[in-house]
Amino acid sequence: ASTNGGARKLTGISDTLPLHLQKYLTEERCINIEKATPFLRCISYEVRGHHYQAIGFANQSGGYELRDNGSFKGTIAPKDITPIFIDKLRDKDADKIQPVCIFGVFMDFLSFFSMKEEVIHHCLVMNSVSNVAKAIRYLNDRHLTHIRAFLDNDDAGKRATNDFIRAGFKVEDMSVHYGNFKDLNEYHVHRVCEQKKNNQRRCSKCKATP
């Protein structure tokens, strides 16, 4: 990225997230940091001489999706999709790894990963619903025909899910399982909070028992 105008200039990449970004993931997003760490980098960048740090999630073209512990979301170009666990696939293996789980953004993928004991499915993060055509091309090139769509419960999410259906994929729309929530991460955070409340209730009952 160049510095003309207010463009972001990449100044450093580290494997270790600073504590404030780790706390954001664990406390506000309920992400299992041990599971998430292999997928994340700390991206240092500058804009007009000001220095910043953000959580970075790499895509297949060498760019990064960025997120900080506030409201900032951005990209170190180029923007692209992130296939996960599909890299070594050969055509003849396509049936073994289906369905492929599709996520709009990396926070939803990390939520899915945090919920599961282990992830045996192959996953693809679009990094934006505007990348749906790239995702379709990628899946078609690998003869992958069956997907589970974990997209947002909004118009853009529904449109992207319908794009996959129209492109001929067998689509399981997983958003029905978190229909009262904006996205998978919001549902995941709610679930974790409910579990904590239930555990606290149990603890207080234990204390009350003579």
N, C-alpha and C. Protein backbone atom coordinates (compact mmCIF):
# COMPACT_ATOMS: atom_id res chain seq x y z
N ALA A 1 0.84 -1.19 0.00
CA ALA A 1 0.00 0.00 0.00
C ALA A 1 0.88 1.24 0.00
N SER A 2 0.51 2.23 -0.75
CA SER A 2 1.29 3.48 -0.80
C SER A 2 0.73 4.46 0.21
N THR A 3 1.43 5.56 0.39
CA THR A 3 0.98 6.54 1.38
C THR A 3 0.24 7.71 0.76
N ASN A 4 0.02 7.68 -0.58
CA ASN A 4 -0.68 8.84 -1.14
C ASN A 4 -2.08 8.92 -0.57
N GLY A 5 -2.48 10.13 -0.25
CA GLY A 5 -3.77 10.33 0.41
C GLY A 5 -3.69 9.74 1.80
N GLY A 6 -4.73 8.99 2.18
CA GLY A 6 -4.74 8.40 3.52
C GLY A 6 -4.59 6.90 3.47
N ALA A 7 -3.86 6.39 2.49
CA ALA A 7 -3.72 4.94 2.35
C ALA A 7 -2.90 4.36 3.50
N ARG A 8 -3.17 3.09 3.81
CA ARG A 8 -2.42 2.41 4.87
C ARG A 8 -1.11 1.88 4.32
N LYS A 9 -0.04 2.14 5.04
CA LYS A 9 1.27 1.61 4.66
C LYS A 9 1.67 0.56 5.69
N LEU A 10 1.86 -0.66 5.22
CA LEU A 10 2.24 -1.77 6.10
C LEU A 10 3.66 -1.53 6.62
N THR A 11 3.83 -1.57 7.95
CA THR A 11 5.17 -1.33 8.52
C THR A 11 5.71 -2.55 9.27
N GLY A 12 4.85 -3.53 9.56
CA GLY A 12 5.36 -4.71 10.26
C GLY A 12 4.31 -5.79 10.42
N ILE A 13 4.78 -7.05 10.48
CA ILE A 13 3.90 -8.20 10.72
C ILE A 13 4.53 -9.04 11.81
N SER A 14 3.75 -9.34 12.85
CA SER A 14 4.27 -10.15 13.95
C SER A 14 3.32 -11.32 14.21
N ASP A 15 3.88 -12.45 14.69
CA ASP A 15 3.04 -13.61 15.03
C ASP A 15 2.33 -13.43 16.37
N THR A 16 2.76 -12.45 17.16
CA THR A 16 2.22 -12.29 18.51
C THR A 16 1.30 -11.08 18.60
N LEU A 17 0.06 -11.34 18.99
CA LEU A 17 -0.89 -10.23 19.18
C LEU A 17 -0.62 -9.56 20.52
N PRO A 18 -0.60 -8.22 20.57
CA PRO A 18 -0.45 -7.55 21.87
C PRO A 18 -1.64 -7.85 22.77
N LEU A 19 -1.41 -7.68 24.07
CA LEU A 19 -2.39 -8.10 25.07
C LEU A 19 -3.77 -7.47 24.86
N HIS A 20 -3.82 -6.18 24.47
CA HIS A 20 -5.13 -5.51 24.35
C HIS A 20 -5.94 -6.12 23.20
N LEU A 21 -5.27 -6.61 22.16
CA LEU A 21 -6.00 -7.25 21.06
C LEU A 21 -6.40 -8.68 21.44
N GLN A 22 -5.56 -9.38 22.20
CA GLN A 22 -5.95 -10.70 22.71
C GLN A 22 -7.16 -10.60 23.62
N LYS A 23 -7.14 -9.58 24.51
CA LYS A 23 -8.27 -9.40 25.44
C LYS A 23 -9.55 -9.09 24.69
N TYR A 24 -9.45 -8.28 23.64
CA TYR A 24 -10.64 -7.98 22.82
C TYR A 24 -11.24 -9.28 22.26
N LEU A 25 -10.38 -10.15 21.71
CA LEU A 25 -10.87 -11.40 21.13
C LEU A 25 -11.50 -12.30 22.18
N THR A 26 -10.83 -12.44 23.33
CA THR A 26 -11.33 -13.39 24.34
C THR A 26 -12.51 -12.83 25.12
N GLU A 27 -12.45 -11.55 25.50
CA GLU A 27 -13.48 -11.02 26.40
C GLU A 27 -14.71 -10.49 25.66
N GLU A 28 -14.48 -9.82 24.54
CA GLU A 28 -15.63 -9.23 23.84
C GLU A 28 -16.20 -10.15 22.76
N ARG A 29 -15.33 -10.97 22.17
CA ARG A 29 -15.78 -11.84 21.07
C ARG A 29 -15.84 -13.32 21.45
N CYS A 30 -15.40 -13.63 22.69
CA CYS A 30 -15.45 -15.01 23.22
C CYS A 30 -14.72 -16.01 22.31
N ILE A 31 -13.60 -15.56 21.73
CA ILE A 31 -12.82 -16.41 20.84
C ILE A 31 -11.79 -17.20 21.66
N ASN A 32 -11.65 -18.47 21.33
CA ASN A 32 -10.63 -19.32 21.95
C ASN A 32 -9.28 -18.92 21.35
N ILE A 33 -8.47 -18.24 22.14
CA ILE A 33 -7.26 -17.62 21.60
C ILE A 33 -6.23 -18.66 21.14
N GLU A 34 -6.20 -19.81 21.83
CA GLU A 34 -5.24 -20.86 21.42
C GLU A 34 -5.57 -21.37 20.02
N LYS A 35 -6.86 -21.55 19.76
CA LYS A 35 -7.27 -22.02 18.43
C LYS A 35 -7.10 -20.94 17.37
N ALA A 36 -7.33 -19.68 17.77
CA ALA A 36 -7.31 -18.59 16.80
C ALA A 36 -5.91 -18.16 16.40
N THR A 37 -4.96 -18.25 17.34
CA THR A 37 -3.63 -17.69 17.13
C THR A 37 -2.94 -18.11 15.83
N PRO A 38 -3.00 -19.40 15.44
CA PRO A 38 -2.31 -19.78 14.19
C PRO A 38 -2.82 -19.05 12.95
N PHE A 39 -4.04 -18.51 12.99
CA PHE A 39 -4.62 -17.85 11.83
C PHE A 39 -4.41 -16.33 11.84
N LEU A 40 -3.88 -15.79 12.93
CA LEU A 40 -3.85 -14.34 13.10
C LEU A 40 -2.44 -13.78 13.18
N ARG A 41 -2.29 -12.56 12.74
CA ARG A 41 -1.03 -11.83 12.85
C ARG A 41 -1.33 -10.46 13.44
N CYS A 42 -0.32 -9.86 14.05
CA CYS A 42 -0.42 -8.46 14.45
C CYS A 42 0.15 -7.62 13.31
N ILE A 43 -0.69 -6.79 12.74
CA ILE A 43 -0.29 -5.94 11.60
C ILE A 43 -0.04 -4.53 12.11
N SER A 44 1.17 -4.04 11.89
CA SER A 44 1.49 -2.64 12.21
C SER A 44 1.44 -1.85 10.90
N TYR A 45 0.81 -0.69 10.95
CA TYR A 45 0.70 0.12 9.74
C TYR A 45 0.66 1.59 10.12
N GLU A 46 0.89 2.43 9.13
CA GLU A 46 0.79 3.87 9.40
C GLU A 46 -0.09 4.54 8.36
N VAL A 47 -0.75 5.58 8.81
CA VAL A 47 -1.56 6.44 7.93
C VAL A 47 -1.19 7.88 8.26
N ARG A 48 -0.68 8.59 7.26
CA ARG A 48 -0.28 10.00 7.44
C ARG A 48 0.61 10.19 8.68
N GLY A 49 1.57 9.29 8.85
CA GLY A 49 2.53 9.43 9.94
C GLY A 49 2.06 8.92 11.29
N HIS A 50 0.78 8.50 11.40
CA HIS A 50 0.27 7.93 12.65
C HIS A 50 0.40 6.41 12.60
N HIS A 51 0.83 5.82 13.71
CA HIS A 51 1.08 4.37 13.75
C HIS A 51 -0.06 3.64 14.46
N TYR A 52 -0.43 2.50 13.90
CA TYR A 52 -1.54 1.71 14.46
C TYR A 52 -1.18 0.23 14.45
N GLN A 53 -1.92 -0.53 15.27
CA GLN A 53 -1.80 -1.99 15.25
C GLN A 53 -3.20 -2.58 15.13
N ALA A 54 -3.29 -3.70 14.43
CA ALA A 54 -4.59 -4.36 14.27
C ALA A 54 -4.40 -5.88 14.17
N ILE A 55 -5.47 -6.59 14.43
CA ILE A 55 -5.49 -8.04 14.20
C ILE A 55 -5.53 -8.24 12.68
N GLY A 56 -4.67 -9.09 12.16
CA GLY A 56 -4.62 -9.34 10.72
C GLY A 56 -4.95 -10.78 10.39
N PHE A 57 -5.76 -10.97 9.37
CA PHE A 57 -6.16 -12.31 8.90
C PHE A 57 -5.81 -12.38 7.42
N ALA A 58 -4.89 -13.26 7.07
CA ALA A 58 -4.34 -13.28 5.71
C ALA A 58 -5.32 -13.86 4.70
N ASN A 59 -5.31 -13.33 3.48
CA ASN A 59 -6.06 -13.94 2.38
C ASN A 59 -5.10 -14.63 1.42
N GLN A 60 -5.65 -15.26 0.38
CA GLN A 60 -4.81 -16.08 -0.50
C GLN A 60 -3.93 -15.27 -1.44
N SER A 61 -4.12 -13.94 -1.49
CA SER A 61 -3.31 -13.10 -2.38
C SER A 61 -2.25 -12.29 -1.65
N GLY A 62 -2.06 -12.58 -0.35
CA GLY A 62 -1.04 -11.85 0.41
C GLY A 62 -1.53 -10.59 1.08
N GLY A 63 -2.82 -10.29 0.96
CA GLY A 63 -3.40 -9.16 1.67
C GLY A 63 -3.89 -9.58 3.05
N TYR A 64 -4.36 -8.62 3.82
CA TYR A 64 -4.84 -8.90 5.18
C TYR A 64 -6.14 -8.17 5.45
N GLU A 65 -7.07 -8.88 6.10
CA GLU A 65 -8.23 -8.23 6.70
C GLU A 65 -7.81 -7.72 8.07
N LEU A 66 -8.18 -6.50 8.39
CA LEU A 66 -7.76 -5.88 9.65
C LEU A 66 -8.95 -5.60 10.56
N ARG A 67 -8.70 -5.73 11.86
CA ARG A 67 -9.73 -5.45 12.85
C ARG A 67 -9.02 -5.01 14.13
N ASP A 68 -9.44 -3.92 14.74
CA ASP A 68 -8.82 -3.57 16.01
C ASP A 68 -9.81 -3.80 17.14
N ASN A 69 -9.49 -3.31 18.35
CA ASN A 69 -10.37 -3.57 19.48
C ASN A 69 -11.43 -2.48 19.63
N GLY A 70 -11.55 -1.64 18.60
CA GLY A 70 -12.63 -0.65 18.58
C GLY A 70 -13.56 -0.96 17.43
N SER A 71 -13.86 0.05 16.64
CA SER A 71 -14.82 -0.17 15.54
C SER A 71 -14.12 -0.27 14.19
N PHE A 72 -12.79 -0.19 14.18
CA PHE A 72 -12.08 -0.16 12.90
C PHE A 72 -12.07 -1.53 12.21
N LYS A 73 -12.45 -1.53 10.94
CA LYS A 73 -12.29 -2.69 10.06
C LYS A 73 -11.65 -2.18 8.79
N GLY A 74 -10.69 -2.91 8.25
CA GLY A 74 -10.05 -2.45 7.02
C GLY A 74 -9.33 -3.58 6.32
N THR A 75 -8.56 -3.23 5.32
CA THR A 75 -7.84 -4.22 4.51
C THR A 75 -6.47 -3.69 4.14
N ILE A 76 -5.47 -4.56 4.20
CA ILE A 76 -4.22 -4.27 3.50
C ILE A 76 -4.36 -4.98 2.15
N ALA A 77 -4.42 -4.21 1.06
CA ALA A 77 -4.70 -4.77 -0.27
C ALA A 77 -3.61 -5.77 -0.67
N PRO A 78 -3.93 -6.70 -1.58
CA PRO A 78 -5.23 -6.87 -2.24
C PRO A 78 -6.25 -7.61 -1.38
N LYS A 79 -7.53 -7.35 -1.65
CA LYS A 79 -8.61 -8.03 -0.94
C LYS A 79 -8.92 -9.34 -1.68
N ASP A 80 -9.10 -10.41 -0.93
CA ASP A 80 -9.37 -11.70 -1.57
C ASP A 80 -9.98 -12.65 -0.55
N ILE A 81 -10.32 -13.84 -1.01
CA ILE A 81 -10.88 -14.88 -0.14
C ILE A 81 -9.75 -15.61 0.60
N THR A 82 -10.12 -16.33 1.67
CA THR A 82 -9.15 -17.14 2.42
C THR A 82 -9.67 -18.57 2.51
N PRO A 83 -9.14 -19.48 1.69
CA PRO A 83 -9.49 -20.90 1.84
C PRO A 83 -8.69 -21.47 3.02
N ILE A 84 -9.35 -22.30 3.82
CA ILE A 84 -8.68 -22.90 4.98
C ILE A 84 -8.86 -24.41 4.92
N PHE A 85 -7.77 -25.12 4.99
CA PHE A 85 -7.73 -26.58 4.94
C PHE A 85 -8.05 -27.14 3.55
N ILE A 86 -8.19 -26.31 2.52
CA ILE A 86 -8.53 -26.84 1.19
C ILE A 86 -7.28 -26.95 0.31
N ASP A 87 -6.20 -26.31 0.75
CA ASP A 87 -5.04 -26.11 -0.14
C ASP A 87 -4.54 -27.37 -0.84
N LYS A 88 -4.48 -28.49 -0.11
CA LYS A 88 -3.83 -29.67 -0.68
C LYS A 88 -4.82 -30.60 -1.41
N LEU A 89 -5.99 -30.06 -1.65
CA LEU A 89 -7.05 -30.88 -2.26
C LEU A 89 -6.75 -31.22 -3.72
N ARG A 90 -6.99 -32.48 -4.07
CA ARG A 90 -6.96 -32.89 -5.48
C ARG A 90 -8.41 -33.18 -5.91
N ASP A 91 -8.65 -33.09 -7.20
CA ASP A 91 -10.02 -33.27 -7.70
C ASP A 91 -10.69 -34.52 -7.14
N LYS A 92 -9.94 -35.62 -7.10
CA LYS A 92 -10.54 -36.90 -6.69
C LYS A 92 -10.93 -36.91 -5.21
N ASP A 93 -10.37 -35.93 -4.43
CA ASP A 93 -10.68 -35.87 -3.00
C ASP A 93 -11.92 -35.01 -2.70
N ALA A 94 -12.50 -34.40 -3.72
CA ALA A 94 -13.55 -33.40 -3.49
C ALA A 94 -14.68 -33.94 -2.61
N ASP A 95 -15.12 -35.18 -2.86
CA ASP A 95 -16.25 -35.72 -2.11
C ASP A 95 -15.93 -35.91 -0.63
N LYS A 96 -14.66 -36.20 -0.33
CA LYS A 96 -14.29 -36.48 1.06
C LYS A 96 -14.43 -35.26 1.96
N ILE A 97 -14.25 -34.07 1.43
CA ILE A 97 -14.17 -32.90 2.31
C ILE A 97 -15.43 -32.04 2.27
N GLN A 98 -16.45 -32.51 1.60
CA GLN A 98 -17.67 -31.70 1.54
C GLN A 98 -18.57 -32.05 2.72
N PRO A 99 -19.44 -31.14 3.17
CA PRO A 99 -19.59 -29.78 2.65
C PRO A 99 -18.47 -28.84 3.11
N VAL A 100 -18.27 -27.78 2.34
CA VAL A 100 -17.32 -26.72 2.70
C VAL A 100 -18.10 -25.65 3.47
N CYS A 101 -17.57 -25.24 4.63
CA CYS A 101 -18.24 -24.20 5.43
C CYS A 101 -17.80 -22.82 4.94
N ILE A 102 -18.77 -21.99 4.62
CA ILE A 102 -18.51 -20.66 4.07
C ILE A 102 -18.85 -19.58 5.10
N PHE A 103 -17.92 -18.65 5.32
CA PHE A 103 -18.12 -17.55 6.27
C PHE A 103 -17.91 -16.23 5.56
N GLY A 104 -18.65 -15.21 6.00
CA GLY A 104 -18.50 -13.89 5.41
C GLY A 104 -17.24 -13.19 5.88
N VAL A 105 -16.94 -13.30 7.20
CA VAL A 105 -15.79 -12.61 7.78
C VAL A 105 -15.05 -13.54 8.73
N PHE A 106 -13.81 -13.19 9.03
CA PHE A 106 -12.99 -14.12 9.81
C PHE A 106 -13.45 -14.27 11.25
N MET A 107 -14.14 -13.26 11.81
CA MET A 107 -14.62 -13.37 13.19
C MET A 107 -15.66 -14.49 13.32
N ASP A 108 -16.45 -14.69 12.27
CA ASP A 108 -17.43 -15.79 12.30
C ASP A 108 -16.74 -17.14 12.17
N PHE A 109 -15.70 -17.21 11.34
CA PHE A 109 -14.93 -18.45 11.24
C PHE A 109 -14.28 -18.77 12.60
N LEU A 110 -13.70 -17.77 13.26
CA LEU A 110 -13.06 -18.01 14.57
C LEU A 110 -14.10 -18.40 15.62
N SER A 111 -15.32 -17.88 15.50
CA SER A 111 -16.41 -18.26 16.42
C SER A 111 -16.75 -19.73 16.22
N PHE A 112 -16.89 -20.14 14.98
CA PHE A 112 -17.18 -21.54 14.62
C PHE A 112 -16.09 -22.44 15.18
N PHE A 113 -14.84 -22.03 14.99
CA PHE A 113 -13.69 -22.79 15.45
C PHE A 113 -13.69 -22.90 16.98
N SER A 114 -14.11 -21.80 17.65
CA SER A 114 -14.15 -21.78 19.11
C SER A 114 -15.26 -22.68 19.66
N MET A 115 -16.35 -22.81 18.91
CA MET A 115 -17.49 -23.63 19.35
C MET A 115 -17.21 -25.12 19.25
N LYS A 116 -16.38 -25.50 18.31
CA LYS A 116 -16.19 -26.91 17.98
C LYS A 116 -15.01 -27.50 18.75
N GLU A 117 -15.14 -28.77 19.13
CA GLU A 117 -14.00 -29.47 19.73
C GLU A 117 -12.85 -29.53 18.72
N GLU A 118 -13.22 -29.87 17.49
CA GLU A 118 -12.24 -29.83 16.39
C GLU A 118 -13.01 -29.53 15.12
N VAL A 119 -12.34 -28.96 14.17
CA VAL A 119 -12.98 -28.63 12.89
C VAL A 119 -12.47 -29.63 11.86
N ILE A 120 -13.40 -30.47 11.39
CA ILE A 120 -13.00 -31.47 10.39
C ILE A 120 -13.40 -31.00 9.00
N HIS A 121 -14.21 -29.95 8.94
CA HIS A 121 -14.66 -29.46 7.64
C HIS A 121 -13.63 -28.53 7.01
N HIS A 122 -13.65 -28.46 5.72
CA HIS A 122 -12.88 -27.45 5.02
C HIS A 122 -13.70 -26.16 5.04
N CYS A 123 -13.01 -25.04 5.14
CA CYS A 123 -13.68 -23.76 5.32
C CYS A 123 -13.17 -22.76 4.29
N LEU A 124 -14.02 -21.78 4.03
CA LEU A 124 -13.62 -20.69 3.14
C LEU A 124 -14.21 -19.40 3.70
N VAL A 125 -13.35 -18.42 3.96
CA VAL A 125 -13.79 -17.12 4.45
C VAL A 125 -13.77 -16.15 3.27
N MET A 126 -14.91 -15.54 2.98
CA MET A 126 -14.99 -14.64 1.82
C MET A 126 -14.35 -13.29 2.09
N ASN A 127 -14.26 -12.89 3.38
CA ASN A 127 -13.71 -11.59 3.78
C ASN A 127 -14.55 -10.40 3.32
N SER A 128 -15.64 -10.68 2.66
CA SER A 128 -16.63 -9.68 2.25
C SER A 128 -17.61 -10.39 1.34
N VAL A 129 -18.90 -10.07 1.47
CA VAL A 129 -19.87 -10.72 0.57
C VAL A 129 -19.64 -10.27 -0.88
N SER A 130 -18.88 -9.18 -1.06
CA SER A 130 -18.58 -8.76 -2.43
C SER A 130 -17.64 -9.74 -3.13
N ASN A 131 -17.05 -10.68 -2.37
CA ASN A 131 -16.16 -11.69 -2.95
C ASN A 131 -16.87 -12.98 -3.31
N VAL A 132 -18.21 -12.95 -3.34
CA VAL A 132 -18.95 -14.20 -3.58
C VAL A 132 -18.59 -14.82 -4.93
N ALA A 133 -18.38 -13.99 -5.96
CA ALA A 133 -18.03 -14.53 -7.29
C ALA A 133 -16.67 -15.24 -7.25
N LYS A 134 -15.72 -14.67 -6.50
CA LYS A 134 -14.40 -15.32 -6.36
C LYS A 134 -14.54 -16.66 -5.64
N ALA A 135 -15.40 -16.69 -4.61
CA ALA A 135 -15.62 -17.93 -3.87
C ALA A 135 -16.24 -18.99 -4.77
N ILE A 136 -17.21 -18.59 -5.58
CA ILE A 136 -17.87 -19.54 -6.50
C ILE A 136 -16.86 -20.10 -7.50
N ARG A 137 -16.03 -19.21 -8.03
CA ARG A 137 -15.01 -19.65 -9.00
C ARG A 137 -14.03 -20.63 -8.34
N TYR A 138 -13.61 -20.29 -7.14
CA TYR A 138 -12.66 -21.13 -6.41
C TYR A 138 -13.23 -22.54 -6.19
N LEU A 139 -14.49 -22.61 -5.74
CA LEU A 139 -15.13 -23.90 -5.46
C LEU A 139 -15.35 -24.69 -6.75
N ASN A 140 -15.80 -23.98 -7.79
CA ASN A 140 -16.02 -24.66 -9.08
C ASN A 140 -14.72 -25.25 -9.62
N ASP A 141 -13.62 -24.51 -9.51
CA ASP A 141 -12.33 -24.99 -10.01
C ASP A 141 -11.91 -26.28 -9.32
N ARG A 142 -12.39 -26.50 -8.08
CA ARG A 142 -12.01 -27.68 -7.31
C ARG A 142 -13.13 -28.72 -7.26
N HIS A 143 -14.15 -28.52 -8.08
CA HIS A 143 -15.28 -29.46 -8.18
C HIS A 143 -15.97 -29.68 -6.83
N LEU A 144 -16.05 -28.61 -6.06
CA LEU A 144 -16.74 -28.67 -4.77
C LEU A 144 -18.16 -28.14 -4.98
N THR A 145 -19.15 -28.96 -4.62
CA THR A 145 -20.53 -28.65 -4.99
C THR A 145 -21.47 -28.47 -3.80
N HIS A 146 -21.00 -28.79 -2.59
CA HIS A 146 -21.87 -28.82 -1.41
C HIS A 146 -21.29 -27.88 -0.36
N ILE A 147 -22.09 -26.88 0.07
CA ILE A 147 -21.59 -25.93 1.06
C ILE A 147 -22.56 -25.75 2.21
N ARG A 148 -22.01 -25.31 3.35
CA ARG A 148 -22.82 -24.83 4.48
C ARG A 148 -22.52 -23.35 4.62
N ALA A 149 -23.54 -22.53 4.48
CA ALA A 149 -23.35 -21.07 4.49
C ALA A 149 -23.66 -20.50 5.87
N PHE A 150 -22.62 -19.98 6.54
CA PHE A 150 -22.76 -19.35 7.86
C PHE A 150 -22.71 -17.83 7.67
N LEU A 151 -23.65 -17.30 6.91
CA LEU A 151 -23.59 -15.87 6.58
C LEU A 151 -24.52 -15.06 7.48
N ASP A 152 -24.42 -13.73 7.38
CA ASP A 152 -25.18 -12.85 8.28
C ASP A 152 -26.67 -12.91 7.99
N ASN A 153 -27.44 -12.62 9.03
CA ASN A 153 -28.89 -12.51 8.88
C ASN A 153 -29.26 -11.10 8.46
N ASP A 154 -28.81 -10.71 7.27
CA ASP A 154 -29.19 -9.42 6.71
C ASP A 154 -29.36 -9.60 5.20
N ASP A 155 -29.75 -8.52 4.53
CA ASP A 155 -30.02 -8.64 3.08
C ASP A 155 -28.79 -9.11 2.31
N ALA A 156 -27.61 -8.57 2.67
CA ALA A 156 -26.38 -8.94 1.96
C ALA A 156 -26.07 -10.42 2.15
N GLY A 157 -26.25 -10.91 3.38
CA GLY A 157 -26.01 -12.33 3.65
C GLY A 157 -26.96 -13.23 2.89
N LYS A 158 -28.24 -12.83 2.86
CA LYS A 158 -29.25 -13.63 2.14
C LYS A 158 -28.96 -13.62 0.63
N ARG A 159 -28.55 -12.45 0.11
CA ARG A 159 -28.24 -12.36 -1.32
C ARG A 159 -27.08 -13.28 -1.69
N ALA A 160 -26.04 -13.27 -0.84
CA ALA A 160 -24.87 -14.11 -1.12
C ALA A 160 -25.25 -15.60 -1.08
N THR A 161 -26.07 -15.98 -0.09
CA THR A 161 -26.53 -17.37 0.00
C THR A 161 -27.29 -17.74 -1.27
N ASN A 162 -28.16 -16.84 -1.73
CA ASN A 162 -28.92 -17.10 -2.96
C ASN A 162 -28.01 -17.16 -4.19
N ASP A 163 -26.93 -16.38 -4.18
CA ASP A 163 -25.96 -16.45 -5.29
C ASP A 163 -25.36 -17.85 -5.41
N PHE A 164 -25.04 -18.46 -4.27
CA PHE A 164 -24.50 -19.83 -4.29
C PHE A 164 -25.55 -20.82 -4.81
N ILE A 165 -26.79 -20.62 -4.38
CA ILE A 165 -27.88 -21.51 -4.83
C ILE A 165 -28.04 -21.38 -6.34
N ARG A 166 -28.07 -20.12 -6.82
CA ARG A 166 -28.26 -19.89 -8.26
C ARG A 166 -27.09 -20.44 -9.07
N ALA A 167 -25.91 -20.47 -8.46
CA ALA A 167 -24.73 -20.99 -9.18
C ALA A 167 -24.71 -22.52 -9.21
N GLY A 168 -25.73 -23.14 -8.61
CA GLY A 168 -25.87 -24.60 -8.73
C GLY A 168 -25.32 -25.41 -7.57
N PHE A 169 -24.91 -24.74 -6.48
CA PHE A 169 -24.39 -25.48 -5.33
C PHE A 169 -25.53 -26.06 -4.51
N LYS A 170 -25.25 -27.19 -3.85
CA LYS A 170 -26.16 -27.71 -2.83
C LYS A 170 -25.84 -26.91 -1.56
N VAL A 171 -26.78 -26.09 -1.10
CA VAL A 171 -26.51 -25.13 -0.02
C VAL A 171 -27.34 -25.46 1.21
N GLU A 172 -26.66 -25.62 2.34
CA GLU A 172 -27.34 -25.68 3.64
C GLU A 172 -27.20 -24.30 4.25
N ASP A 173 -28.32 -23.60 4.43
CA ASP A 173 -28.29 -22.25 4.99
C ASP A 173 -28.28 -22.35 6.51
N MET A 174 -27.09 -22.23 7.11
CA MET A 174 -26.93 -22.44 8.56
C MET A 174 -27.43 -21.24 9.38
N SER A 175 -27.72 -20.11 8.70
CA SER A 175 -28.15 -18.91 9.45
C SER A 175 -29.48 -19.14 10.17
N VAL A 176 -30.24 -20.16 9.74
CA VAL A 176 -31.52 -20.45 10.43
C VAL A 176 -31.28 -20.86 11.88
N HIS A 177 -30.08 -21.38 12.18
CA HIS A 177 -29.77 -21.82 13.54
C HIS A 177 -29.44 -20.66 14.48
N TYR A 178 -29.18 -19.47 13.91
CA TYR A 178 -28.96 -18.29 14.75
C TYR A 178 -29.80 -17.12 14.22
N GLY A 179 -31.06 -17.47 13.91
CA GLY A 179 -31.98 -16.53 13.25
C GLY A 179 -32.28 -15.27 14.04
N ASN A 180 -32.17 -15.33 15.38
CA ASN A 180 -32.47 -14.14 16.19
C ASN A 180 -31.25 -13.25 16.40
N PHE A 181 -30.15 -13.58 15.73
CA PHE A 181 -28.90 -12.84 15.93
C PHE A 181 -28.40 -12.31 14.60
N LYS A 182 -27.60 -11.24 14.69
CA LYS A 182 -27.08 -10.59 13.48
C LYS A 182 -26.16 -11.53 12.70
N ASP A 183 -25.32 -12.23 13.45
CA ASP A 183 -24.35 -13.10 12.78
C ASP A 183 -23.91 -14.20 13.73
N LEU A 184 -23.03 -15.07 13.26
CA LEU A 184 -22.62 -16.22 14.05
C LEU A 184 -21.87 -15.80 15.31
N ASN A 185 -21.06 -14.74 15.23
CA ASN A 185 -20.32 -14.32 16.42
C ASN A 185 -21.25 -13.81 17.51
N GLU A 186 -22.26 -13.05 17.13
CA GLU A 186 -23.22 -12.54 18.13
C GLU A 186 -23.91 -13.71 18.84
N TYR A 187 -24.28 -14.72 18.07
CA TYR A 187 -24.90 -15.93 18.63
C TYR A 187 -23.92 -16.64 19.57
N HIS A 188 -22.67 -16.76 19.14
CA HIS A 188 -21.63 -17.44 19.93
C HIS A 188 -21.42 -16.71 21.26
N VAL A 189 -21.32 -15.39 21.23
CA VAL A 189 -21.12 -14.59 22.45
C VAL A 189 -22.31 -14.80 23.39
N HIS A 190 -23.51 -14.78 22.85
CA HIS A 190 -24.73 -14.99 23.65
C HIS A 190 -24.69 -16.37 24.33
N ARG A 191 -24.30 -17.39 23.57
CA ARG A 191 -24.23 -18.76 24.11
C ARG A 191 -23.23 -18.85 25.26
N VAL A 192 -22.06 -18.25 25.07
CA VAL A 192 -21.01 -18.29 26.10
C VAL A 192 -21.50 -17.59 27.37
N CYS A 193 -22.15 -16.42 27.21
CA CYS A 193 -22.68 -15.67 28.36
C CYS A 193 -23.73 -16.48 29.11
N GLU A 194 -24.62 -17.15 28.36
CA GLU A 194 -25.66 -17.98 28.99
C GLU A 194 -25.04 -19.13 29.77
N GLN A 195 -24.01 -19.75 29.20
CA GLN A 195 -23.33 -20.86 29.88
C GLN A 195 -22.70 -20.37 31.18
N LYS A 196 -22.08 -19.17 31.11
CA LYS A 196 -21.44 -18.62 32.32
C LYS A 196 -22.50 -18.36 33.40
N LYS A 197 -23.64 -17.78 32.98
CA LYS A 197 -24.72 -17.49 33.94
C LYS A 197 -25.20 -18.78 34.60
N ASN A 198 -25.41 -19.81 33.78
CA ASN A 198 -25.89 -21.09 34.31
C ASN A 198 -24.88 -21.69 35.29
N ASN A 199 -23.60 -21.58 34.95
CA ASN A 199 -22.56 -22.11 35.84
C ASN A 199 -22.53 -21.34 37.16
N GLN A 200 -22.72 -20.01 37.07
CA GLN A 200 -22.73 -19.20 38.30
C GLN A 200 -23.92 -19.58 39.17
N ARG A 201 -25.08 -19.84 38.52
CA ARG A 201 -26.26 -20.24 39.28
C ARG A 201 -25.99 -21.54 40.02
N ARG A 202 -25.36 -22.48 39.29
CA ARG A 202 -25.03 -23.76 39.90
C ARG A 202 -24.10 -23.55 41.10
N CYS A 203 -23.11 -22.67 40.93
CA CYS A 203 -22.15 -22.42 42.00
C CYS A 203 -22.84 -21.84 43.22
N SER A 204 -23.77 -20.88 42.99
CA SER A 204 -24.45 -20.26 44.14
C SER A 204 -25.36 -21.29 44.82
N LYS A 205 -25.93 -22.21 44.02
CA LYS A 205 -26.75 -23.28 44.62
C LYS A 205 -25.87 -24.17 45.50
N CYS A 206 -24.66 -24.47 44.96
CA CYS A 206 -23.74 -25.33 45.73
C CYS A 206 -23.43 -24.71 47.08
N LYS A 207 -23.19 -23.39 47.06
CA LYS A 207 -22.83 -22.71 48.31
C LYS A 207 -23.99 -22.72 49.28
N ALA A 208 -25.21 -22.66 48.72
CA ALA A 208 -26.39 -22.59 49.60
C ALA A 208 -26.72 -23.95 50.22
N THR A 209 -26.18 -25.01 49.63
CA THR A 209 -26.51 -26.35 50.14
C THR A 209 -25.73 -26.63 51.42
N PRO A 210 -26.45 -26.98 52.49
CA PRO A 210 -25.73 -27.22 53.77
C PRO A 210 -24.86 -28.47 53.71
